[in-house]
Amino acid sequence: MFSTDRIYLRKVIKEDTDIYHKWRSNPNVMQNTSPNLDVYTREDTENFILSIIKSANSKSYMIQHRENDEPIGIVSLINIDYKNRNAECIIDLGNEDYWGRGYGKEAMNELLKYSFLELNLHKVYLKVFSFNERAIRLYERLGFEREGEQKEQLFRNGAWHGIIMMALFQDKFLQ
């Protein structure tokens, strides 16, 4: 269910703490994904991983390269609202060796299939920094549309940037 020719998704487990901490400690990775550029201890990261695992309204999956079983990143549904059938999605490609090669699109597509075909969600939404043009193009290729922007919400590298909200609806995904 969670695989392509190049990747597969598996549930995040406590043993993923070290690799996730490595990614979380990389400023290049965090630049595009975290509103708070901070220094995290390994204990902080472990607590975060444990909170993901225990959460009743989130599902997180490690993206693994099929050929060499190397972890590439994490893709998640968070804030799942089962009553109103919507959730926020997040992708974090922590392994820079796999950037710009289509792995993020494959992983997101698998997560979206699960969201709409298995969980029967009506809407999946996300937030993306306005300067992250590569991610915006990816989301648009997947069918996401802009719903709005929080202007000047993020101060990064000496300038103000917006946070763009995007969404994809089940009926559009299934077309």
Protein backbone atom coordinates (compact mmCIF):
# COMPACT_ATOMS: atom_id res chain seq x y z
CA MET A 1 0.00 0.00 0.00
CA PHE A 2 2.78 2.47 0.86
CA SER A 3 5.32 1.87 -1.86
CA THR A 4 6.55 2.81 -5.29
CA ASP A 5 9.34 1.35 -7.39
CA ARG A 6 11.86 3.53 -5.52
CA ILE A 7 10.52 4.07 -1.99
CA TYR A 8 8.33 2.65 0.71
CA LEU A 9 6.78 4.22 3.78
CA ARG A 10 6.89 2.63 7.23
CA LYS A 11 5.65 3.79 10.61
CA VAL A 12 8.02 6.00 12.57
CA ILE A 13 9.48 4.15 15.57
CA LYS A 14 11.53 5.21 18.60
CA GLU A 15 14.69 3.84 16.94
CA ASP A 16 14.36 6.58 14.30
CA THR A 17 15.38 9.17 16.90
CA ASP A 18 19.06 9.30 15.91
CA ILE A 19 18.49 9.79 12.18
CA TYR A 20 15.74 12.33 12.80
CA HIS A 21 17.95 14.18 15.26
CA LYS A 22 20.68 14.35 12.60
CA TRP A 23 18.22 15.90 10.15
CA ARG A 24 16.77 18.21 12.80
CA SER A 25 20.28 19.46 13.57
CA ASN A 26 20.98 20.32 9.92
CA PRO A 27 20.28 24.02 9.22
CA ASN A 28 19.84 23.33 5.49
CA VAL A 29 17.00 20.93 6.26
CA MET A 30 15.35 23.06 8.93
CA GLN A 31 15.58 26.26 6.88
CA ASN A 32 12.63 25.19 4.74
CA THR A 33 10.57 23.23 7.23
CA SER A 34 10.68 24.73 10.69
CA PRO A 35 9.40 28.15 11.71
CA ASN A 36 11.72 28.05 14.72
CA LEU A 37 15.37 27.57 13.87
CA ASP A 38 16.52 26.24 17.20
CA VAL A 39 19.04 23.82 18.62
CA TYR A 40 17.46 20.58 19.79
CA THR A 41 19.00 18.07 22.18
CA ARG A 42 18.74 14.40 21.42
CA GLU A 43 16.30 14.17 24.34
CA ASP A 44 14.13 16.88 22.73
CA THR A 45 14.07 14.88 19.52
CA GLU A 46 13.30 11.61 21.30
CA ASN A 47 10.41 13.25 23.15
CA PHE A 48 9.14 14.62 19.85
CA ILE A 49 9.33 11.18 18.20
CA LEU A 50 7.53 9.59 21.16
CA SER A 51 4.78 12.22 20.95
CA ILE A 52 4.33 11.38 17.25
CA ILE A 53 4.08 7.68 17.99
CA LYS A 54 1.55 8.13 20.81
CA SER A 55 -0.66 10.71 19.09
CA ALA A 56 -4.20 9.61 18.28
CA ASN A 57 -4.63 12.31 15.65
CA SER A 58 -1.43 11.93 13.65
CA LYS A 59 0.24 9.34 11.47
CA SER A 60 3.93 9.59 10.59
CA TYR A 61 5.94 7.48 8.20
CA MET A 62 9.63 7.18 7.50
CA ILE A 63 10.43 7.39 3.79
CA GLN A 64 12.86 4.58 2.94
CA HIS A 65 14.76 4.08 -0.28
CA ARG A 66 13.74 0.67 -1.60
CA GLU A 67 17.11 -0.28 -3.12
CA ASN A 68 19.43 0.46 -0.19
CA ASP A 69 16.89 0.82 2.65
CA GLU A 70 18.33 4.24 3.47
CA PRO A 71 16.03 6.69 5.30
CA ILE A 72 15.21 9.71 3.14
CA GLY A 73 12.77 11.66 5.29
CA ILE A 74 9.44 11.70 7.06
CA VAL A 75 5.93 12.31 5.79
CA SER A 76 3.04 12.87 8.18
CA LEU A 77 -0.61 13.60 8.64
CA ILE A 78 -1.16 15.72 11.73
CA ASN A 79 -4.19 17.35 13.34
CA ILE A 80 -6.38 14.64 11.81
CA ASP A 81 -10.00 15.63 12.30
CA TYR A 82 -11.96 12.43 11.67
CA LYS A 83 -15.36 14.10 12.18
CA ASN A 84 -14.74 16.83 9.59
CA ARG A 85 -12.52 14.58 7.45
CA ASN A 86 -9.45 16.79 7.11
CA ALA A 87 -5.80 16.75 8.12
CA GLU A 88 -2.60 18.72 7.72
CA CYS A 89 0.26 17.05 5.88
CA ILE A 90 3.97 17.58 6.35
CA ILE A 91 6.98 16.31 4.47
CA ASP A 92 10.54 16.63 5.64
CA LEU A 93 13.24 15.24 3.34
CA GLY A 94 16.14 15.15 5.75
CA ASN A 95 18.62 13.36 3.52
CA GLU A 96 19.96 16.05 1.17
CA ASP A 97 21.34 13.41 -1.23
CA TYR A 98 17.75 12.78 -2.36
CA TRP A 99 16.64 16.39 -2.88
CA GLY A 100 15.39 17.39 -6.32
CA ARG A 101 15.03 13.83 -7.59
CA GLY A 102 11.28 13.25 -7.25
CA TYR A 103 11.32 11.29 -4.00
CA GLY A 104 9.25 13.90 -2.18
CA LYS A 105 6.57 13.77 -4.85
CA GLU A 106 6.41 9.99 -4.65
CA ALA A 107 6.15 10.01 -0.86
CA MET A 108 3.49 12.73 -0.83
CA ASN A 109 1.48 10.92 -3.49
CA GLU A 110 1.48 7.74 -1.38
CA LEU A 111 0.39 9.72 1.69
CA LEU A 112 -2.38 11.39 -0.32
CA LYS A 113 -3.62 8.05 -1.66
CA TYR A 114 -3.80 6.78 1.91
CA SER A 115 -5.52 10.00 3.05
CA PHE A 116 -8.23 9.98 0.41
CA LEU A 117 -8.69 6.30 -0.40
CA GLU A 118 -8.23 4.67 3.01
CA LEU A 119 -9.00 7.36 5.59
CA ASN A 120 -11.64 8.87 3.29
CA LEU A 121 -10.54 12.40 4.11
CA HIS A 122 -12.27 15.24 2.30
CA LYS A 123 -9.39 17.73 2.52
CA VAL A 124 -5.64 17.64 3.11
CA TYR A 125 -3.95 20.96 3.74
CA LEU A 126 -0.43 22.23 4.37
CA LYS A 127 1.62 25.30 5.13
CA VAL A 128 4.69 26.29 3.14
CA PHE A 129 7.09 29.22 3.49
CA SER A 130 6.70 31.69 0.63
CA PHE A 131 10.43 31.53 -0.19
CA ASN A 132 10.33 27.73 -0.64
CA GLU A 133 9.55 27.86 -4.35
CA ARG A 134 10.65 24.26 -5.01
CA ALA A 135 8.13 22.94 -2.48
CA ILE A 136 5.35 25.20 -3.79
CA ARG A 137 5.91 23.84 -7.32
CA LEU A 138 5.79 20.27 -5.98
CA TYR A 139 2.52 20.88 -4.14
CA GLU A 140 0.99 22.51 -7.21
CA ARG A 141 2.03 19.52 -9.37
CA LEU A 142 0.27 17.27 -6.85
CA GLY A 143 -2.91 19.34 -7.25
CA PHE A 144 -2.78 21.58 -4.18
CA GLU A 145 -4.22 25.07 -4.56
CA ARG A 146 -3.47 28.20 -2.58
CA GLU A 147 -6.09 29.08 0.00
CA GLY A 148 -4.40 32.10 1.52
CA GLU A 149 -1.27 33.56 3.01
CA GLN A 150 -0.20 34.82 6.39
CA LYS A 151 1.88 37.75 5.22
CA GLU A 152 5.15 38.60 6.96
CA GLN A 153 4.63 35.75 9.43
CA LEU A 154 8.20 34.46 9.43
CA PHE A 155 11.46 36.35 9.90
CA ARG A 156 14.28 34.45 8.22
CA ASN A 157 17.68 35.59 6.98
CA GLY A 158 17.01 39.23 7.77
CA ALA A 159 13.69 39.50 5.91
CA TRP A 160 9.99 38.88 6.44
CA HIS A 161 8.28 36.03 4.59
CA GLY A 162 4.76 34.74 4.31
CA ILE A 163 3.35 31.34 5.14
CA ILE A 164 1.15 30.07 2.31
CA MET A 165 -1.77 27.76 3.06
CA MET A 166 -2.56 25.20 0.38
CA ALA A 167 -5.18 22.46 0.16
CA LEU A 168 -6.16 19.48 -1.94
CA PHE A 169 -9.68 18.04 -1.93
CA GLN A 170 -10.59 14.39 -2.32
CA ASP A 171 -12.68 14.88 -5.47
CA LYS A 172 -9.85 16.72 -7.25
CA PHE A 173 -7.32 14.07 -6.22
CA LEU A 174 -9.53 11.27 -7.52
CA GLN A 175 -9.98 12.92 -10.97
